[in-house]
Amino acid sequence: MAKRKCAICGEWIEDNNDSVPYKKRYAHLSCFNVAMKVVTTEKKPKSTKVVQKNTKKAPQKEVKTGLTEEEYQEKKQLCDFIREKTKADITIKIYKLIDDYIKKYKVTYKDIYETLYWYYSIESNEVKGDMIGIFPYVYNEAKNAMDNIRGAQKNCQEKMSEMISMYPEKVLKLPDIENRIIDQIDISKIGE
């Protein structure tokens, strides 16, 4: 059976059990109930409208999941990197691929960014096409490489803190050269 759009909210109807015939089309059961409440309240006398203002209405559309501030910054970093490498604005296709990868592979924007950064900046591969299509093929290799890099950086930081104790700071005193008398050379006697 073909998918149908709700006549009231315009969203796709996922399950036929949740749909109701409405004006020669179909609507979600919840949308239909809200619409019928609105129609019945408009037909009532004005004295009952005062009572209706005190009660809260249920929202007609569900709130979709938003991004946290951290996720937003990661997405912005990824998009800026793609724009920088492709020297063009991001197409709808790339946005769609990013969303598909996040849903399908259960990765984050940071994972995609690190994979692309490793592939194009560290490995110095040439940018071809939309640039993001390579992600599923190199993700595991990039993840291992980035983990090795992080481990090396952490190890280096530990060694640097040990270096301070291995090589203590020494203070050397130089002789005072301001009061030293230096004989002057007569330039005219050099050639004789």
N, C-alpha and C. Protein backbone atom coordinates (compact mmCIF):
# COMPACT_ATOMS: atom_id res chain seq x y z
N MET A 1 0.85 -1.18 0.00
CA MET A 1 0.00 0.00 0.00
C MET A 1 0.89 1.24 0.00
N ALA A 2 0.48 2.25 -0.71
CA ALA A 2 1.25 3.48 -0.84
C ALA A 2 1.20 4.28 0.45
N LYS A 3 2.25 5.03 0.69
CA LYS A 3 2.27 5.91 1.86
C LYS A 3 1.35 7.09 1.61
N ARG A 4 0.76 7.56 2.67
CA ARG A 4 -0.15 8.71 2.55
C ARG A 4 0.34 9.82 3.46
N LYS A 5 0.00 11.03 3.06
CA LYS A 5 0.29 12.19 3.90
C LYS A 5 -0.94 12.56 4.68
N CYS A 6 -0.72 13.04 5.88
CA CYS A 6 -1.82 13.48 6.74
C CYS A 6 -2.42 14.76 6.13
N ALA A 7 -3.73 14.81 6.05
CA ALA A 7 -4.42 15.97 5.48
C ALA A 7 -4.32 17.19 6.39
N ILE A 8 -4.01 16.99 7.66
CA ILE A 8 -3.99 18.10 8.62
C ILE A 8 -2.57 18.63 8.83
N CYS A 9 -1.64 17.74 9.22
CA CYS A 9 -0.29 18.21 9.54
C CYS A 9 0.69 18.08 8.38
N GLY A 10 0.40 17.28 7.37
CA GLY A 10 1.26 17.15 6.21
C GLY A 10 2.38 16.13 6.38
N GLU A 11 2.48 15.48 7.55
CA GLU A 11 3.50 14.46 7.79
C GLU A 11 3.06 13.13 7.21
N TRP A 12 4.01 12.24 6.95
CA TRP A 12 3.69 10.92 6.41
C TRP A 12 3.01 10.06 7.47
N ILE A 13 2.03 9.29 7.05
CA ILE A 13 1.34 8.37 7.94
C ILE A 13 2.09 7.04 7.87
N GLU A 14 2.65 6.62 9.01
CA GLU A 14 3.47 5.41 9.03
C GLU A 14 2.64 4.14 9.11
N ASP A 15 1.58 4.15 9.90
CA ASP A 15 0.80 2.94 10.13
C ASP A 15 -0.65 3.22 9.77
N ASN A 16 -1.28 2.30 9.03
CA ASN A 16 -2.68 2.51 8.63
C ASN A 16 -3.63 2.47 9.82
N ASN A 17 -3.25 1.81 10.91
CA ASN A 17 -4.11 1.75 12.09
C ASN A 17 -4.26 3.12 12.73
N ASP A 18 -3.28 4.00 12.52
CA ASP A 18 -3.32 5.33 13.12
C ASP A 18 -3.99 6.35 12.20
N SER A 19 -4.56 5.93 11.08
CA SER A 19 -5.16 6.88 10.14
C SER A 19 -6.68 6.79 10.15
N VAL A 20 -7.28 7.94 9.83
CA VAL A 20 -8.74 8.05 9.81
C VAL A 20 -9.12 8.77 8.52
N PRO A 21 -10.17 8.33 7.80
CA PRO A 21 -10.61 9.06 6.61
C PRO A 21 -11.10 10.46 7.00
N TYR A 22 -10.64 11.48 6.27
CA TYR A 22 -10.99 12.86 6.59
C TYR A 22 -10.98 13.66 5.29
N LYS A 23 -12.13 14.19 4.89
CA LYS A 23 -12.30 15.01 3.68
C LYS A 23 -11.69 14.34 2.45
N LYS A 24 -12.09 13.13 2.16
CA LYS A 24 -11.66 12.33 1.02
C LYS A 24 -10.16 12.04 1.03
N ARG A 25 -9.54 12.22 2.19
CA ARG A 25 -8.12 11.91 2.38
C ARG A 25 -7.97 11.21 3.71
N TYR A 26 -6.77 11.07 4.18
CA TYR A 26 -6.54 10.42 5.47
C TYR A 26 -5.76 11.36 6.38
N ALA A 27 -5.95 11.17 7.70
CA ALA A 27 -5.27 11.99 8.69
C ALA A 27 -4.86 11.10 9.86
N HIS A 28 -3.83 11.54 10.60
CA HIS A 28 -3.45 10.83 11.82
C HIS A 28 -4.63 10.88 12.79
N LEU A 29 -4.77 9.87 13.59
CA LEU A 29 -5.85 9.84 14.57
C LEU A 29 -5.69 10.99 15.57
N SER A 30 -4.44 11.24 16.01
CA SER A 30 -4.21 12.33 16.96
C SER A 30 -4.51 13.69 16.33
N CYS A 31 -4.11 13.89 15.08
CA CYS A 31 -4.39 15.16 14.39
C CYS A 31 -5.90 15.34 14.20
N PHE A 32 -6.57 14.26 13.84
CA PHE A 32 -8.02 14.31 13.64
C PHE A 32 -8.72 14.69 14.94
N ASN A 33 -8.30 14.09 16.06
CA ASN A 33 -8.91 14.41 17.36
C ASN A 33 -8.70 15.87 17.73
N VAL A 34 -7.51 16.39 17.50
CA VAL A 34 -7.23 17.80 17.80
C VAL A 34 -8.08 18.70 16.91
N ALA A 35 -8.18 18.36 15.63
CA ALA A 35 -8.98 19.16 14.70
C ALA A 35 -10.46 19.15 15.10
N MET A 36 -10.97 18.01 15.52
CA MET A 36 -12.37 17.93 15.94
C MET A 36 -12.61 18.73 17.22
N LYS A 37 -11.63 18.74 18.13
CA LYS A 37 -11.77 19.55 19.34
C LYS A 37 -11.84 21.03 18.98
N VAL A 38 -11.01 21.44 18.04
CA VAL A 38 -11.00 22.85 17.61
C VAL A 38 -12.33 23.21 16.97
N VAL A 39 -12.84 22.32 16.11
CA VAL A 39 -14.12 22.58 15.43
C VAL A 39 -15.25 22.66 16.44
N THR A 40 -15.29 21.75 17.40
CA THR A 40 -16.38 21.75 18.38
C THR A 40 -16.29 22.94 19.32
N THR A 41 -15.10 23.39 19.65
CA THR A 41 -14.98 24.55 20.54
C THR A 41 -15.37 25.83 19.82
N GLU A 42 -15.16 25.90 18.51
CA GLU A 42 -15.56 27.08 17.76
C GLU A 42 -17.08 27.19 17.65
N LYS A 43 -17.78 26.08 17.68
CA LYS A 43 -19.23 26.10 17.55
C LYS A 43 -19.93 26.41 18.88
N LYS A 44 -19.23 26.25 20.00
CA LYS A 44 -19.84 26.51 21.31
C LYS A 44 -20.01 28.01 21.52
N PRO A 45 -20.90 28.40 22.43
CA PRO A 45 -21.06 29.82 22.71
C PRO A 45 -19.79 30.41 23.33
N LYS A 46 -19.71 31.75 23.30
CA LYS A 46 -18.52 32.44 23.76
C LYS A 46 -18.27 32.27 25.25
N SER A 47 -19.27 32.00 26.03
CA SER A 47 -19.10 31.85 27.48
C SER A 47 -18.22 30.64 27.81
N THR A 48 -18.26 29.62 27.01
CA THR A 48 -17.43 28.45 27.28
C THR A 48 -16.01 28.62 26.76
N LYS A 49 -15.77 29.63 25.90
CA LYS A 49 -14.43 29.88 25.40
C LYS A 49 -13.51 30.33 26.53
N VAL A 50 -14.04 31.03 27.51
CA VAL A 50 -13.25 31.48 28.64
C VAL A 50 -12.70 30.27 29.40
N VAL A 51 -13.49 29.25 29.54
CA VAL A 51 -13.07 28.04 30.22
C VAL A 51 -11.98 27.34 29.42
N GLN A 52 -12.06 27.35 28.11
CA GLN A 52 -11.10 26.68 27.25
C GLN A 52 -9.72 27.35 27.31
N LYS A 53 -9.64 28.64 27.58
CA LYS A 53 -8.37 29.34 27.62
C LYS A 53 -7.52 28.87 28.79
N ASN A 54 -8.13 28.41 29.85
CA ASN A 54 -7.39 27.97 31.02
C ASN A 54 -6.71 26.61 30.81
N THR A 55 -7.25 25.80 29.94
CA THR A 55 -6.66 24.48 29.71
C THR A 55 -5.62 24.56 28.60
N LYS A 56 -4.58 23.76 28.72
CA LYS A 56 -3.53 23.74 27.70
C LYS A 56 -3.88 22.75 26.61
N LYS A 57 -3.60 23.15 25.38
CA LYS A 57 -3.85 22.27 24.25
C LYS A 57 -2.61 21.42 24.00
N ALA A 58 -2.82 20.23 23.54
CA ALA A 58 -1.71 19.36 23.18
C ALA A 58 -1.11 19.84 21.87
N PRO A 59 0.20 19.79 21.73
CA PRO A 59 0.81 20.23 20.47
C PRO A 59 0.40 19.31 19.33
N GLN A 60 0.24 19.91 18.16
CA GLN A 60 -0.19 19.13 17.00
C GLN A 60 0.97 18.33 16.41
N LYS A 61 2.16 18.87 16.45
CA LYS A 61 3.31 18.17 15.91
C LYS A 61 4.24 17.77 17.04
N GLU A 62 4.88 16.64 16.86
CA GLU A 62 5.85 16.21 17.85
C GLU A 62 7.13 17.00 17.65
N VAL A 63 7.81 17.28 18.75
CA VAL A 63 9.06 17.99 18.69
C VAL A 63 10.15 17.00 18.28
N LYS A 64 10.87 17.33 17.23
CA LYS A 64 11.93 16.45 16.77
C LYS A 64 13.17 16.68 17.62
N THR A 65 14.01 15.67 17.68
CA THR A 65 15.20 15.78 18.52
C THR A 65 16.13 16.84 17.95
N GLY A 66 16.62 17.69 18.83
CA GLY A 66 17.53 18.75 18.43
C GLY A 66 18.96 18.38 18.78
N LEU A 67 19.88 19.25 18.39
CA LEU A 67 21.28 19.02 18.68
C LEU A 67 21.67 19.72 19.97
N THR A 68 22.53 19.09 20.74
CA THR A 68 23.09 19.77 21.90
C THR A 68 24.13 20.77 21.40
N GLU A 69 24.59 21.62 22.29
CA GLU A 69 25.58 22.62 21.90
C GLU A 69 26.87 21.94 21.42
N GLU A 70 27.25 20.86 22.10
CA GLU A 70 28.46 20.13 21.71
C GLU A 70 28.31 19.50 20.32
N GLU A 71 27.15 18.89 20.07
CA GLU A 71 26.90 18.29 18.76
C GLU A 71 26.87 19.36 17.67
N TYR A 72 26.29 20.51 18.00
CA TYR A 72 26.25 21.61 17.03
C TYR A 72 27.66 22.06 16.65
N GLN A 73 28.53 22.20 17.66
CA GLN A 73 29.91 22.62 17.39
C GLN A 73 30.65 21.58 16.55
N GLU A 74 30.40 20.28 16.84
CA GLU A 74 31.03 19.21 16.06
C GLU A 74 30.54 19.23 14.62
N LYS A 75 29.24 19.44 14.42
CA LYS A 75 28.67 19.50 13.07
C LYS A 75 29.23 20.70 12.32
N LYS A 76 29.35 21.83 13.01
CA LYS A 76 29.89 23.04 12.40
C LYS A 76 31.35 22.82 11.99
N GLN A 77 32.12 22.16 12.85
CA GLN A 77 33.51 21.86 12.54
C GLN A 77 33.61 20.95 11.31
N LEU A 78 32.76 19.93 11.24
CA LEU A 78 32.73 19.02 10.09
C LEU A 78 32.37 19.77 8.81
N CYS A 79 31.33 20.58 8.87
CA CYS A 79 30.88 21.31 7.68
C CYS A 79 31.94 22.32 7.23
N ASP A 80 32.59 22.99 8.17
CA ASP A 80 33.65 23.94 7.81
C ASP A 80 34.82 23.21 7.14
N PHE A 81 35.15 22.02 7.64
CA PHE A 81 36.24 21.24 7.05
C PHE A 81 35.89 20.83 5.61
N ILE A 82 34.66 20.39 5.40
CA ILE A 82 34.23 19.98 4.06
C ILE A 82 34.24 21.18 3.12
N ARG A 83 33.75 22.33 3.59
CA ARG A 83 33.76 23.54 2.76
C ARG A 83 35.19 23.95 2.40
N GLU A 84 36.09 23.84 3.37
CA GLU A 84 37.49 24.22 3.15
C GLU A 84 38.14 23.32 2.11
N LYS A 85 37.89 22.03 2.19
CA LYS A 85 38.53 21.09 1.27
C LYS A 85 37.92 21.13 -0.13
N THR A 86 36.60 21.26 -0.20
CA THR A 86 35.95 21.27 -1.52
C THR A 86 35.91 22.65 -2.14
N LYS A 87 36.16 23.68 -1.34
CA LYS A 87 36.11 25.08 -1.79
C LYS A 87 34.75 25.41 -2.40
N ALA A 88 33.70 24.82 -1.82
CA ALA A 88 32.33 25.07 -2.28
C ALA A 88 31.39 24.86 -1.09
N ASP A 89 30.16 25.32 -1.26
CA ASP A 89 29.17 25.14 -0.21
C ASP A 89 28.72 23.67 -0.18
N ILE A 90 28.23 23.25 0.96
CA ILE A 90 27.81 21.85 1.12
C ILE A 90 26.46 21.64 0.44
N THR A 91 26.37 20.58 -0.33
CA THR A 91 25.14 20.27 -1.05
C THR A 91 24.18 19.49 -0.16
N ILE A 92 22.95 19.41 -0.60
CA ILE A 92 21.94 18.65 0.14
C ILE A 92 22.33 17.18 0.20
N LYS A 93 22.95 16.70 -0.85
CA LYS A 93 23.39 15.30 -0.90
C LYS A 93 24.36 14.99 0.24
N ILE A 94 25.29 15.91 0.50
CA ILE A 94 26.26 15.70 1.57
C ILE A 94 25.57 15.72 2.93
N TYR A 95 24.65 16.67 3.13
CA TYR A 95 23.90 16.69 4.39
C TYR A 95 23.14 15.38 4.60
N LYS A 96 22.52 14.89 3.54
CA LYS A 96 21.76 13.64 3.61
C LYS A 96 22.69 12.47 3.94
N LEU A 97 23.86 12.41 3.30
CA LEU A 97 24.80 11.34 3.58
C LEU A 97 25.29 11.39 5.02
N ILE A 98 25.55 12.58 5.54
CA ILE A 98 25.99 12.71 6.93
C ILE A 98 24.92 12.17 7.86
N ASP A 99 23.66 12.58 7.65
CA ASP A 99 22.56 12.09 8.49
C ASP A 99 22.40 10.58 8.36
N ASP A 100 22.53 10.05 7.15
CA ASP A 100 22.41 8.60 6.94
C ASP A 100 23.51 7.85 7.68
N TYR A 101 24.74 8.35 7.61
CA TYR A 101 25.84 7.68 8.30
C TYR A 101 25.66 7.69 9.81
N ILE A 102 25.14 8.80 10.32
CA ILE A 102 24.93 8.89 11.76
C ILE A 102 23.86 7.90 12.20
N LYS A 103 22.80 7.77 11.42
CA LYS A 103 21.73 6.83 11.77
C LYS A 103 22.15 5.38 11.53
N LYS A 104 22.79 5.11 10.41
CA LYS A 104 23.12 3.74 10.03
C LYS A 104 24.28 3.17 10.83
N TYR A 105 25.35 3.92 10.97
CA TYR A 105 26.56 3.42 11.62
C TYR A 105 26.67 3.82 13.09
N LYS A 106 25.72 4.60 13.59
CA LYS A 106 25.72 5.04 14.99
C LYS A 106 27.03 5.74 15.36
N VAL A 107 27.44 6.67 14.52
CA VAL A 107 28.64 7.46 14.76
C VAL A 107 28.24 8.89 15.07
N THR A 108 29.20 9.69 15.49
CA THR A 108 28.93 11.10 15.79
C THR A 108 29.56 11.97 14.70
N TYR A 109 29.25 13.25 14.75
CA TYR A 109 29.84 14.20 13.82
C TYR A 109 31.36 14.23 14.00
N LYS A 110 31.80 14.09 15.24
CA LYS A 110 33.24 14.10 15.53
C LYS A 110 33.93 12.90 14.87
N ASP A 111 33.29 11.72 14.90
CA ASP A 111 33.86 10.54 14.25
C ASP A 111 34.01 10.76 12.75
N ILE A 112 33.00 11.33 12.14
CA ILE A 112 33.06 11.59 10.70
C ILE A 112 34.16 12.61 10.40
N TYR A 113 34.23 13.66 11.22
CA TYR A 113 35.25 14.69 11.02
C TYR A 113 36.65 14.09 11.14
N GLU A 114 36.89 13.30 12.19
CA GLU A 114 38.21 12.72 12.39
C GLU A 114 38.59 11.77 11.26
N THR A 115 37.61 11.01 10.77
CA THR A 115 37.88 10.09 9.66
C THR A 115 38.27 10.87 8.41
N LEU A 116 37.49 11.89 8.08
CA LEU A 116 37.80 12.69 6.89
C LEU A 116 39.10 13.47 7.07
N TYR A 117 39.35 13.98 8.27
CA TYR A 117 40.59 14.70 8.55
C TYR A 117 41.79 13.78 8.35
N TRP A 118 41.69 12.57 8.89
CA TRP A 118 42.78 11.60 8.73
C TRP A 118 43.00 11.27 7.26
N TYR A 119 41.92 11.01 6.54
CA TYR A 119 42.03 10.57 5.15
C TYR A 119 42.57 11.67 4.24
N TYR A 120 42.08 12.89 4.42
CA TYR A 120 42.45 13.96 3.49
C TYR A 120 43.63 14.81 3.97
N SER A 121 43.79 15.02 5.28
CA SER A 121 44.87 15.88 5.76
C SER A 121 46.11 15.09 6.16
N ILE A 122 45.94 14.03 6.93
CA ILE A 122 47.10 13.28 7.39
C ILE A 122 47.62 12.35 6.29
N GLU A 123 46.74 11.61 5.65
CA GLU A 123 47.14 10.71 4.57
C GLU A 123 47.32 11.45 3.24
N SER A 124 46.89 12.68 3.16
CA SER A 124 47.05 13.55 1.98
C SER A 124 46.47 12.94 0.71
N ASN A 125 45.27 12.39 0.81
CA ASN A 125 44.59 11.88 -0.38
C ASN A 125 43.90 13.03 -1.10
N GLU A 126 43.72 12.87 -2.38
CA GLU A 126 43.11 13.90 -3.22
C GLU A 126 41.59 13.91 -3.01
N VAL A 127 41.02 15.11 -2.96
CA VAL A 127 39.57 15.25 -2.80
C VAL A 127 38.91 14.98 -4.14
N LYS A 128 38.01 14.00 -4.13
CA LYS A 128 37.28 13.66 -5.36
C LYS A 128 35.79 13.62 -5.03
N GLY A 129 34.99 14.13 -5.91
CA GLY A 129 33.53 14.04 -5.77
C GLY A 129 33.02 14.79 -4.55
N ASP A 130 32.08 14.14 -3.85
CA ASP A 130 31.45 14.80 -2.72
C ASP A 130 32.27 14.69 -1.44
N MET A 131 33.36 13.93 -1.45
CA MET A 131 34.33 13.84 -0.36
C MET A 131 33.86 12.98 0.80
N ILE A 132 32.59 12.84 1.02
CA ILE A 132 32.10 12.13 2.20
C ILE A 132 31.79 10.67 1.92
N GLY A 133 31.69 10.29 0.67
CA GLY A 133 31.33 8.93 0.32
C GLY A 133 32.37 7.90 0.72
N ILE A 134 33.60 8.32 0.97
CA ILE A 134 34.68 7.41 1.35
C ILE A 134 34.57 6.99 2.81
N PHE A 135 33.79 7.70 3.60
CA PHE A 135 33.72 7.49 5.05
C PHE A 135 33.54 6.03 5.47
N PRO A 136 32.53 5.30 4.97
CA PRO A 136 32.34 3.93 5.47
C PRO A 136 33.50 3.00 5.16
N TYR A 137 34.25 3.30 4.11
CA TYR A 137 35.33 2.42 3.69
C TYR A 137 36.61 2.60 4.50
N VAL A 138 36.83 3.79 5.04
CA VAL A 138 38.09 4.05 5.75
C VAL A 138 37.88 4.30 7.24
N TYR A 139 36.66 4.17 7.74
CA TYR A 139 36.36 4.53 9.13
C TYR A 139 37.20 3.73 10.12
N ASN A 140 37.23 2.40 9.99
CA ASN A 140 37.96 1.57 10.96
C ASN A 140 39.46 1.87 10.94
N GLU A 141 40.02 2.00 9.77
CA GLU A 141 41.44 2.31 9.65
C GLU A 141 41.75 3.68 10.24
N ALA A 142 40.89 4.65 9.97
CA ALA A 142 41.08 6.00 10.50
C ALA A 142 40.94 6.02 12.01
N LYS A 143 39.98 5.26 12.52
CA LYS A 143 39.78 5.22 13.97
C LYS A 143 41.01 4.66 14.67
N ASN A 144 41.57 3.57 14.12
CA ASN A 144 42.79 2.98 14.71
C ASN A 144 43.95 3.96 14.64
N ALA A 145 44.11 4.63 13.52
CA ALA A 145 45.21 5.59 13.37
C ALA A 145 45.06 6.76 14.33
N MET A 146 43.85 7.28 14.46
CA MET A 146 43.63 8.42 15.37
C MET A 146 43.81 7.99 16.83
N ASP A 147 43.42 6.76 17.17
CA ASP A 147 43.66 6.26 18.53
C ASP A 147 45.16 6.16 18.80
N ASN A 148 45.93 5.71 17.81
CA ASN A 148 47.39 5.64 17.96
C ASN A 148 47.98 7.04 18.14
N ILE A 149 47.49 8.00 17.38
CA ILE A 149 47.98 9.38 17.50
C ILE A 149 47.66 9.94 18.88
N ARG A 150 46.43 9.71 19.35
CA ARG A 150 46.06 10.20 20.69
C ARG A 150 46.93 9.54 21.76
N GLY A 151 47.18 8.24 21.63
CA GLY A 151 48.03 7.53 22.58
C GLY A 151 49.45 8.08 22.58
N ALA A 152 49.99 8.36 21.40
CA ALA A 152 51.33 8.92 21.30
C ALA A 152 51.39 10.31 21.92
N GLN A 153 50.36 11.13 21.70
CA GLN A 153 50.33 12.47 22.29
C GLN A 153 50.26 12.39 23.81
N LYS A 154 49.46 11.47 24.32
CA LYS A 154 49.34 11.30 25.78
C LYS A 154 50.67 10.84 26.35
N ASN A 155 51.31 9.88 25.69
CA ASN A 155 52.60 9.37 26.12
C ASN A 155 53.65 10.48 26.09
N CYS A 156 53.61 11.30 25.06
CA CYS A 156 54.55 12.42 24.93
C CYS A 156 54.35 13.43 26.06
N GLN A 157 53.11 13.71 26.41
CA GLN A 157 52.84 14.64 27.52
C GLN A 157 53.40 14.11 28.83
N GLU A 158 53.24 12.80 29.05
CA GLU A 158 53.78 12.19 30.28
C GLU A 158 55.30 12.29 30.29
N LYS A 159 55.94 12.02 29.16
CA LYS A 159 57.40 12.08 29.07
C LYS A 159 57.89 13.51 29.25
N MET A 160 57.15 14.48 28.73
CA MET A 160 57.55 15.88 28.88
C MET A 160 57.52 16.31 30.34
N SER A 161 56.54 15.82 31.09
CA SER A 161 56.49 16.16 32.52
C SER A 161 57.64 15.50 33.27
N GLU A 162 58.09 14.33 32.82
CA GLU A 162 59.24 13.66 33.43
C GLU A 162 60.54 14.36 33.06
N MET A 163 60.60 14.97 31.90
CA MET A 163 61.82 15.64 31.44
C MET A 163 62.21 16.78 32.37
N ILE A 164 61.26 17.44 32.94
CA ILE A 164 61.55 18.56 33.84
C ILE A 164 62.32 18.06 35.05
N SER A 165 61.93 16.89 35.57
CA SER A 165 62.64 16.35 36.73
C SER A 165 63.98 15.73 36.33
N MET A 166 64.13 15.25 35.11
CA MET A 166 65.38 14.64 34.66
C MET A 166 66.47 15.69 34.44
N TYR A 167 66.09 16.83 33.95
CA TYR A 167 67.04 17.89 33.66
C TYR A 167 66.70 19.12 34.50
N PRO A 168 67.29 19.20 35.69
CA PRO A 168 66.96 20.36 36.55
C PRO A 168 67.55 21.64 35.95
N GLU A 169 66.96 22.72 36.33
CA GLU A 169 67.37 24.03 35.83
C GLU A 169 68.67 24.44 36.52
N LYS A 170 69.65 24.90 35.75
CA LYS A 170 70.93 25.34 36.30
C LYS A 170 71.10 26.83 35.99
N VAL A 171 71.74 27.52 36.93
CA VAL A 171 72.01 28.94 36.75
C VAL A 171 73.53 29.10 36.60
N LEU A 172 73.96 29.68 35.53
CA LEU A 172 75.38 29.92 35.27
C LEU A 172 75.67 31.40 35.43
N LYS A 173 76.85 31.69 36.02
CA LYS A 173 77.24 33.08 36.19
C LYS A 173 78.37 33.37 35.22
N LEU A 174 78.19 34.36 34.40
CA LEU A 174 79.18 34.76 33.41
C LEU A 174 80.07 35.86 34.00
N PRO A 175 81.31 35.90 33.57
CA PRO A 175 82.19 36.97 34.09
C PRO A 175 81.69 38.35 33.62
N ASP A 176 82.01 39.35 34.41
CA ASP A 176 81.56 40.70 34.10
C ASP A 176 82.42 41.25 32.96
N ILE A 177 81.83 41.51 31.83
CA ILE A 177 82.60 41.96 30.67
C ILE A 177 82.51 43.47 30.47
N GLU A 178 81.75 44.15 31.26
CA GLU A 178 81.61 45.60 31.09
C GLU A 178 82.87 46.33 31.56
N ASN A 179 83.53 45.86 32.59
CA ASN A 179 84.68 46.57 33.16
C ASN A 179 86.01 46.11 32.55
N ARG A 180 85.99 45.20 31.66
CA ARG A 180 87.21 44.68 31.04
C ARG A 180 87.75 45.70 30.04
N ILE A 181 89.06 45.91 30.06
CA ILE A 181 89.69 46.87 29.16
C ILE A 181 90.24 46.09 27.97
N ILE A 182 89.89 46.57 26.78
CA ILE A 182 90.32 45.92 25.55
C ILE A 182 91.26 46.88 24.83
N ASP A 183 92.45 46.35 24.42
CA ASP A 183 93.41 47.18 23.70
C ASP A 183 92.84 47.52 22.33
N GLN A 184 93.05 48.76 21.92
CA GLN A 184 92.58 49.23 20.63
C GLN A 184 93.60 48.86 19.56
N ILE A 185 93.15 48.52 18.39
CA ILE A 185 94.02 48.18 17.28
C ILE A 185 94.14 49.40 16.38
N ASP A 186 95.38 49.71 16.03
CA ASP A 186 95.63 50.84 15.14
C ASP A 186 95.55 50.33 13.72
N ILE A 187 94.59 50.81 12.96
CA ILE A 187 94.33 50.32 11.61
C ILE A 187 95.47 50.73 10.67
N SER A 188 96.10 51.84 10.91
CA SER A 188 97.14 52.33 10.00
C SER A 188 98.39 51.45 10.06
N LYS A 189 98.64 50.71 11.13
CA LYS A 189 99.82 49.87 11.28
C LYS A 189 99.60 48.47 10.70
N ILE A 190 98.41 48.17 10.29
CA ILE A 190 98.11 46.81 9.81
C ILE A 190 98.84 46.52 8.51
N GLY A 191 98.96 47.41 7.63
CA GLY A 191 99.57 47.16 6.33
C GLY A 191 101.08 47.22 6.36
N GLU A 192 101.76 47.65 7.40
CA GLU A 192 103.20 47.83 7.42
C GLU A 192 103.96 46.60 7.70
